[in-house]
């Protein structure tokens, strides 16, 4: 009987081992960003156009007037990359008759030596002086901050304009 009790007692303690894997992962991350200042400038070119009906153009150069000639841009005379304008005179061809006339001129941008953008504290102080300019002033850090603690507590403090913050807390539990 003693043998039976001893063998029975051993059977109670000889349990098969549990084959279970547990994987527990905690991930915390914080990302803060401040937009950069930027500027893009594009020079515009010079253009000239004229159209009409029952009008006669003429150009005077020096003391000579040439009828039927149209002025416009003098590409032989450039100042800082911009051509000089040649004036055109217009007269109604048949007096008392209907006429139409349209003239358009755009003077292009000169080649500037001051094309840099300077920034102070995230704001654009000086802009390029060209015809097409796109500028973003950028962000201001101010009080922007992110904090993560080992206890799982996360916090952000808002910054100035042009700032952003992303907080992420991930927990995964895998039992195999």
C-alpha atoms as a PDB file:
ATOM      1  CA  UNK A   1       0.000   0.000   0.000  1.00  0.00           C
ATOM      2  CA  UNK A   2       2.851   2.305   0.731  1.00  0.00           C
ATOM      3  CA  UNK A   3       4.162   1.751  -2.721  1.00  0.00           C
ATOM      4  CA  UNK A   4       0.831   2.646  -4.218  1.00  0.00           C
ATOM      5  CA  UNK A   5       0.589   5.892  -2.245  1.00  0.00           C
ATOM      6  CA  UNK A   6       4.164   6.816  -3.074  1.00  0.00           C
ATOM      7  CA  UNK A   7       3.613   6.132  -6.787  1.00  0.00           C
ATOM      8  CA  UNK A   8       0.289   7.971  -6.706  1.00  0.00           C
ATOM      9  CA  UNK A   9       1.937  10.963  -5.038  1.00  0.00           C
ATOM     10  CA  UNK A  10       4.617  11.096  -7.709  1.00  0.00           C
ATOM     11  CA  UNK A  11       1.968  11.034 -10.428  1.00  0.00           C
ATOM     12  CA  UNK A  12       0.376  14.200  -8.990  1.00  0.00           C
ATOM     13  CA  UNK A  13       3.650  16.128  -9.185  1.00  0.00           C
ATOM     14  CA  UNK A  14       4.721  14.813 -12.567  1.00  0.00           C
ATOM     15  CA  UNK A  15       2.414  16.990 -14.642  1.00  0.00           C
ATOM     16  CA  UNK A  16       3.247  17.620 -18.289  1.00  0.00           C
ATOM     17  CA  UNK A  17       4.853  21.058 -18.852  1.00  0.00           C
ATOM     18  CA  UNK A  18       2.699  23.804 -20.477  1.00  0.00           C
ATOM     19  CA  UNK A  19       4.003  24.826 -23.892  1.00  0.00           C
ATOM     20  CA  UNK A  20       2.912  28.494 -24.001  1.00  0.00           C
ATOM     21  CA  UNK A  21       4.999  31.461 -25.156  1.00  0.00           C
ATOM     22  CA  UNK A  22       3.982  34.948 -24.089  1.00  0.00           C
ATOM     23  CA  UNK A  23       5.292  38.022 -25.859  1.00  0.00           C
ATOM     24  CA  UNK A  24       4.334  41.445 -24.447  1.00  0.00           C
ATOM     25  CA  UNK A  25       5.595  44.625 -26.179  1.00  0.00           C
ATOM     26  CA  UNK A  26       4.995  48.250 -25.211  1.00  0.00           C
ATOM     27  CA  UNK A  27       6.084  50.925 -27.691  1.00  0.00           C
ATOM     28  CA  UNK A  28       5.898  54.665 -27.150  1.00  0.00           C
ATOM     29  CA  UNK A  29       7.013  57.322 -29.605  1.00  0.00           C
ATOM     30  CA  UNK A  30       6.787  61.068 -29.992  1.00  0.00           C
ATOM     31  CA  UNK A  31       7.520  63.125 -33.082  1.00  0.00           C
ATOM     32  CA  UNK A  32       7.559  66.919 -33.234  1.00  0.00           C
ATOM     33  CA  UNK A  33       8.236  69.026 -36.311  1.00  0.00           C
ATOM     34  CA  UNK A  34       8.567  72.669 -37.310  1.00  0.00           C
ATOM     35  CA  UNK A  35       7.884  73.801 -40.881  1.00  0.00           C
ATOM     36  CA  UNK A  36      10.813  75.421 -42.641  1.00  0.00           C
ATOM     37  CA  UNK A  37      10.642  78.802 -44.303  1.00  0.00           C
ATOM     38  CA  UNK A  38      10.694  78.727 -48.110  1.00  0.00           C
ATOM     39  CA  UNK A  39      10.473  81.011 -51.084  1.00  0.00           C
ATOM     40  CA  UNK A  40      10.303  80.480 -54.821  1.00  0.00           C
ATOM     41  CA  UNK A  41      10.707  83.415 -57.186  1.00  0.00           C
ATOM     42  CA  UNK A  42      10.315  83.548 -60.945  1.00  0.00           C
ATOM     43  CA  UNK A  43      11.155  86.519 -63.147  1.00  0.00           C
ATOM     44  CA  UNK A  44       8.491  87.563 -65.612  1.00  0.00           C
ATOM     45  CA  UNK A  45       9.494  88.571 -69.104  1.00  0.00           C
ATOM     46  CA  UNK A  46       8.670  91.644 -71.150  1.00  0.00           C
ATOM     47  CA  UNK A  47       5.791  91.433 -73.629  1.00  0.00           C
ATOM     48  CA  UNK A  48       4.205  93.859 -76.074  1.00  0.00           C
ATOM     49  CA  UNK A  49       1.190  93.476 -78.303  1.00  0.00           C
ATOM     50  CA  UNK A  50      -0.960  95.810 -80.394  1.00  0.00           C
ATOM     51  CA  UNK A  51      -3.993  95.181 -82.570  1.00  0.00           C
ATOM     52  CA  UNK A  52      -6.680  97.254 -84.207  1.00  0.00           C
ATOM     53  CA  UNK A  53      -8.636  98.112 -87.288  1.00  0.00           C
ATOM     54  CA  UNK A  54      -8.774 101.423 -89.180  1.00  0.00           C
ATOM     55  CA  UNK A  55      -5.622 102.614 -87.397  1.00  0.00           C
ATOM     56  CA  UNK A  56      -2.206 103.342 -88.882  1.00  0.00           C
ATOM     57  CA  UNK A  57       0.856 102.832 -86.675  1.00  0.00           C
ATOM     58  CA  UNK A  58       4.054 104.834 -86.983  1.00  0.00           C
ATOM     59  CA  UNK A  59       7.398 104.894 -85.190  1.00  0.00           C
ATOM     60  CA  UNK A  60       9.572 107.974 -84.756  1.00  0.00           C
ATOM     61  CA  UNK A  61      13.289 107.398 -84.240  1.00  0.00           C
ATOM     62  CA  UNK A  62      15.404 110.507 -83.975  1.00  0.00           C
ATOM     63  CA  UNK A  63      13.838 112.898 -86.462  1.00  0.00           C
ATOM     64  CA  UNK A  64      12.594 110.197 -88.872  1.00  0.00           C
ATOM     65  CA  UNK A  65       8.978 108.922 -88.744  1.00  0.00           C
ATOM     66  CA  UNK A  66       8.202 105.617 -90.432  1.00  0.00           C
ATOM     67  CA  UNK A  67       4.506 105.059 -91.195  1.00  0.00           C
ATOM     68  CA  UNK A  68       3.174 101.488 -90.985  1.00  0.00           C
ATOM     69  CA  UNK A  69       5.882 100.459 -88.505  1.00  0.00           C
ATOM     70  CA  UNK A  70       5.151  99.095 -85.063  1.00  0.00           C
ATOM     71  CA  UNK A  71       7.440  99.723 -82.087  1.00  0.00           C
ATOM     72  CA  UNK A  72       7.601  97.312 -79.168  1.00  0.00           C
ATOM     73  CA  UNK A  73      10.674  95.855 -77.526  1.00  0.00           C
ATOM     74  CA  UNK A  74      14.201  96.893 -78.495  1.00  0.00           C
ATOM     75  CA  UNK A  75      16.220  93.742 -77.774  1.00  0.00           C
ATOM     76  CA  UNK A  76      19.399  95.569 -78.831  1.00  0.00           C
ATOM     77  CA  UNK A  77      19.091  97.840 -75.795  1.00  0.00           C
ATOM     78  CA  UNK A  78      18.987  95.826 -72.544  1.00  0.00           C
ATOM     79  CA  UNK A  79      19.241  97.323 -69.053  1.00  0.00           C
ATOM     80  CA  UNK A  80      19.624  94.734 -66.254  1.00  0.00           C
ATOM     81  CA  UNK A  81      18.100  92.127 -68.565  1.00  0.00           C
ATOM     82  CA  UNK A  82      15.066  94.236 -69.576  1.00  0.00           C
ATOM     83  CA  UNK A  83      14.665  95.492 -73.167  1.00  0.00           C
ATOM     84  CA  UNK A  84      13.879  99.142 -73.852  1.00  0.00           C
ATOM     85  CA  UNK A  85      10.430 100.077 -75.194  1.00  0.00           C
ATOM     86  CA  UNK A  86      10.008 101.634 -78.635  1.00  0.00           C
ATOM     87  CA  UNK A  87       6.913 103.855 -78.632  1.00  0.00           C
ATOM     88  CA  UNK A  88       4.348 103.460 -81.380  1.00  0.00           C
ATOM     89  CA  UNK A  89       2.097 106.305 -82.515  1.00  0.00           C
ATOM     90  CA  UNK A  90      -1.357 105.457 -83.846  1.00  0.00           C
ATOM     91  CA  UNK A  91      -3.693 107.535 -86.004  1.00  0.00           C
ATOM     92  CA  UNK A  92      -7.190 106.795 -87.344  1.00  0.00           C
ATOM     93  CA  UNK A  93      -6.796 105.871 -91.009  1.00  0.00           C
ATOM     94  CA  UNK A  94     -10.237 106.952 -92.299  1.00  0.00           C
ATOM     95  CA  UNK A  95     -11.618 109.850 -90.274  1.00  0.00           C
ATOM     96  CA  UNK A  96     -15.279 109.483 -89.318  1.00  0.00           C
ATOM     97  CA  UNK A  97     -15.225 105.680 -89.714  1.00  0.00           C
ATOM     98  CA  UNK A  98     -15.345 103.158 -86.890  1.00  0.00           C
ATOM     99  CA  UNK A  99     -12.049 101.985 -85.475  1.00  0.00           C
ATOM    100  CA  UNK A 100     -10.780  99.690 -82.735  1.00  0.00           C
ATOM    101  CA  UNK A 101      -7.467  99.622 -80.993  1.00  0.00           C
ATOM    102  CA  UNK A 102      -5.823  97.631 -78.207  1.00  0.00           C
ATOM    103  CA  UNK A 103      -2.273  97.871 -76.882  1.00  0.00           C
ATOM    104  CA  UNK A 104      -0.680  95.923 -74.031  1.00  0.00           C
ATOM    105  CA  UNK A 105       2.805  96.114 -72.522  1.00  0.00           C
ATOM    106  CA  UNK A 106       4.370  94.271 -69.575  1.00  0.00           C
ATOM    107  CA  UNK A 107       7.804  95.361 -68.460  1.00  0.00           C
ATOM    108  CA  UNK A 108       9.750  92.378 -67.184  1.00  0.00           C
ATOM    109  CA  UNK A 109      11.724  91.997 -63.985  1.00  0.00           C
ATOM    110  CA  UNK A 110      15.263  93.302 -63.835  1.00  0.00           C
ATOM    111  CA  UNK A 111      18.072  91.008 -62.760  1.00  0.00           C
ATOM    112  CA  UNK A 112      18.297  91.741 -59.051  1.00  0.00           C
ATOM    113  CA  UNK A 113      21.301  91.192 -56.820  1.00  0.00           C
ATOM    114  CA  UNK A 114      19.011  90.981 -53.750  1.00  0.00           C
ATOM    115  CA  UNK A 115      17.314  87.642 -54.425  1.00  0.00           C
ATOM    116  CA  UNK A 116      17.976  85.966 -51.066  1.00  0.00           C
ATOM    117  CA  UNK A 117      15.328  85.265 -48.456  1.00  0.00           C
ATOM    118  CA  UNK A 118      16.368  85.918 -44.872  1.00  0.00           C
ATOM    119  CA  UNK A 119      14.542  84.549 -41.870  1.00  0.00           C
ATOM    120  CA  UNK A 120      14.605  85.478 -38.210  1.00  0.00           C
ATOM    121  CA  UNK A 121      12.758  83.443 -35.589  1.00  0.00           C
ATOM    122  CA  UNK A 122      10.835  81.526 -38.278  1.00  0.00           C
ATOM    123  CA  UNK A 123       9.481  84.544 -40.139  1.00  0.00           C
ATOM    124  CA  UNK A 124      10.508  85.789 -43.561  1.00  0.00           C
ATOM    125  CA  UNK A 125      12.081  89.253 -43.255  1.00  0.00           C
ATOM    126  CA  UNK A 126      13.060  90.020 -46.874  1.00  0.00           C
ATOM    127  CA  UNK A 127      11.344  88.761 -50.015  1.00  0.00           C
ATOM    128  CA  UNK A 128      12.617  88.580 -53.583  1.00  0.00           C
ATOM    129  CA  UNK A 129      11.208  91.317 -55.809  1.00  0.00           C
ATOM    130  CA  UNK A 130      10.224  89.315 -58.871  1.00  0.00           C
ATOM    131  CA  UNK A 131       6.895  89.059 -60.683  1.00  0.00           C
ATOM    132  CA  UNK A 132       5.894  85.632 -59.342  1.00  0.00           C
ATOM    133  CA  UNK A 133       6.784  84.880 -55.711  1.00  0.00           C
ATOM    134  CA  UNK A 134       5.535  82.079 -53.457  1.00  0.00           C
ATOM    135  CA  UNK A 135       6.700  82.291 -49.848  1.00  0.00           C
ATOM    136  CA  UNK A 136       6.014  80.362 -46.664  1.00  0.00           C
ATOM    137  CA  UNK A 137       7.143  81.904 -43.403  1.00  0.00           C
ATOM    138  CA  UNK A 138       7.894  78.630 -41.609  1.00  0.00           C
ATOM    139  CA  UNK A 139       7.119  77.593 -38.073  1.00  0.00           C
ATOM    140  CA  UNK A 140       7.932  79.074 -34.693  1.00  0.00           C
ATOM    141  CA  UNK A 141       9.019  76.590 -31.992  1.00  0.00           C
ATOM    142  CA  UNK A 142       7.777  78.659 -29.062  1.00  0.00           C
ATOM    143  CA  UNK A 143       6.911  76.089 -26.351  1.00  0.00           C
ATOM    144  CA  UNK A 144       6.641  72.994 -28.592  1.00  0.00           C
ATOM    145  CA  UNK A 145       7.638  69.881 -26.613  1.00  0.00           C
ATOM    146  CA  UNK A 146       6.775  66.180 -26.266  1.00  0.00           C
ATOM    147  CA  UNK A 147       7.280  63.970 -23.198  1.00  0.00           C
ATOM    148  CA  UNK A 148       6.940  60.200 -22.714  1.00  0.00           C
ATOM    149  CA  UNK A 149       7.430  58.535 -19.340  1.00  0.00           C
ATOM    150  CA  UNK A 150       8.194  54.867 -18.595  1.00  0.00           C
ATOM    151  CA  UNK A 151       4.852  54.704 -16.780  1.00  0.00           C
ATOM    152  CA  UNK A 152       3.109  55.154 -20.149  1.00  0.00           C
ATOM    153  CA  UNK A 153       2.069  58.762 -19.615  1.00  0.00           C
ATOM    154  CA  UNK A 154       2.608  60.891 -22.725  1.00  0.00           C
ATOM    155  CA  UNK A 155       2.055  64.607 -23.202  1.00  0.00           C
ATOM    156  CA  UNK A 156       2.658  67.393 -25.710  1.00  0.00           C
ATOM    157  CA  UNK A 157       2.881  71.133 -25.324  1.00  0.00           C
ATOM    158  CA  UNK A 158       1.615  73.167 -28.285  1.00  0.00           C
ATOM    159  CA  UNK A 159       4.072  75.338 -30.189  1.00  0.00           C
ATOM    160  CA  UNK A 160       3.615  78.351 -32.415  1.00  0.00           C
ATOM    161  CA  UNK A 161       2.323  78.519 -35.985  1.00  0.00           C
ATOM    162  CA  UNK A 162       3.675  75.908 -38.424  1.00  0.00           C
ATOM    163  CA  UNK A 163       4.365  73.208 -35.822  1.00  0.00           C
ATOM    164  CA  UNK A 164       2.959  69.714 -35.338  1.00  0.00           C
ATOM    165  CA  UNK A 165       3.289  66.828 -32.896  1.00  0.00           C
ATOM    166  CA  UNK A 166       2.375  63.129 -33.099  1.00  0.00           C
ATOM    167  CA  UNK A 167       2.203  60.835 -30.082  1.00  0.00           C
ATOM    168  CA  UNK A 168       1.851  57.075 -30.423  1.00  0.00           C
ATOM    169  CA  UNK A 169       1.321  54.398 -27.769  1.00  0.00           C
ATOM    170  CA  UNK A 170       1.200  50.751 -28.893  1.00  0.00           C
ATOM    171  CA  UNK A 171       0.681  47.654 -26.759  1.00  0.00           C
ATOM    172  CA  UNK A 172       0.700  44.127 -28.130  1.00  0.00           C
ATOM    173  CA  UNK A 173       0.215  40.838 -26.286  1.00  0.00           C
ATOM    174  CA  UNK A 174       0.822  37.549 -28.108  1.00  0.00           C
ATOM    175  CA  UNK A 175       0.131  34.176 -26.538  1.00  0.00           C
ATOM    176  CA  UNK A 176       1.284  31.209 -28.565  1.00  0.00           C
END
